[in-house]
Protein backbone atom coordinates (compact mmCIF):
# COMPACT_ATOMS: atom_id res chain seq x y z
CA UNK A 1 17.81 -90.56 1.49
CA UNK A 2 16.61 -86.82 2.13
CA UNK A 3 12.98 -87.00 3.83
CA UNK A 4 11.44 -83.53 4.28
CA UNK A 5 7.95 -84.17 5.04
CA UNK A 6 7.74 -84.02 8.86
CA UNK A 7 4.92 -86.47 9.16
CA UNK A 8 7.47 -88.98 7.33
CA UNK A 9 9.88 -88.07 9.65
CA UNK A 10 7.90 -88.94 12.54
CA UNK A 11 7.27 -92.36 11.21
CA UNK A 12 10.76 -92.91 10.68
CA UNK A 13 11.95 -91.52 14.02
CA UNK A 14 9.13 -94.12 15.77
CA UNK A 15 11.21 -96.79 14.19
CA UNK A 16 14.67 -95.74 15.64
CA UNK A 17 15.90 -96.31 19.21
CA UNK A 18 15.65 -93.16 21.58
CA UNK A 19 19.29 -92.79 21.17
CA UNK A 20 19.30 -92.32 17.55
CA UNK A 21 16.11 -90.02 17.39
CA UNK A 22 17.98 -87.12 16.70
CA UNK A 23 19.61 -88.53 13.60
CA UNK A 24 16.09 -87.62 11.85
CA UNK A 25 17.30 -84.05 11.97
CA UNK A 26 20.00 -84.43 9.66
CA UNK A 27 17.72 -85.90 7.14
CA UNK A 28 16.54 -82.73 5.45
CA UNK A 29 19.61 -81.51 4.99
CA UNK A 30 20.89 -84.52 3.19
CA UNK A 31 22.50 -83.64 -0.53
CA UNK A 32 21.11 -85.86 -3.43
CA UNK A 33 23.03 -89.20 -3.41
CA UNK A 34 23.32 -89.44 0.26
CA UNK A 35 21.64 -91.67 2.78
CA UNK A 36 21.82 -92.36 6.44
CA UNK A 37 22.73 -95.99 6.89
CA UNK A 38 20.85 -97.58 10.26
CA UNK A 39 20.08 -101.10 11.21
CA UNK A 40 21.23 -104.26 13.04
CA UNK A 41 23.60 -104.81 10.29
CA UNK A 42 25.31 -101.34 10.89
CA UNK A 43 27.66 -101.21 13.81
CA UNK A 44 27.56 -97.32 13.57
CA UNK A 45 25.23 -95.19 12.30
CA UNK A 46 26.58 -93.40 8.95
CA UNK A 47 25.88 -91.05 6.24
CA UNK A 48 27.07 -92.31 3.12
CA UNK A 49 27.30 -91.14 -0.69
CA UNK A 50 25.44 -93.70 -3.19
CA UNK A 51 27.19 -93.26 -6.63
CA UNK A 52 24.96 -93.26 -9.49
CA UNK A 53 24.65 -96.04 -11.64
CA UNK A 54 26.94 -96.18 -14.69
CA UNK A 55 24.00 -97.69 -16.88
CA UNK A 56 20.95 -95.68 -15.91
CA UNK A 57 17.99 -98.11 -15.53
CA UNK A 58 15.28 -97.66 -18.22
CA UNK A 59 12.34 -95.90 -16.65
CA UNK A 60 9.04 -95.16 -18.52
CA UNK A 61 7.60 -93.55 -15.52
CA UNK A 62 10.06 -91.31 -13.33
CA UNK A 63 13.16 -89.89 -14.54
CA UNK A 64 16.29 -91.01 -13.10
């Protein structure tokens, strides 16, 4: 999901292999609901659009 804090971006960049480090540059420009998928179970890193829930969660502290 969108990550604009440079310190947080640096942390995530350290978790990625060197070949994927440039993907962090796309994180501040992600739109609402978009996410960058990477990991052992993901064959090719991808930016995906996550659909909103049909039944929004009931949250008392953070508006959904």
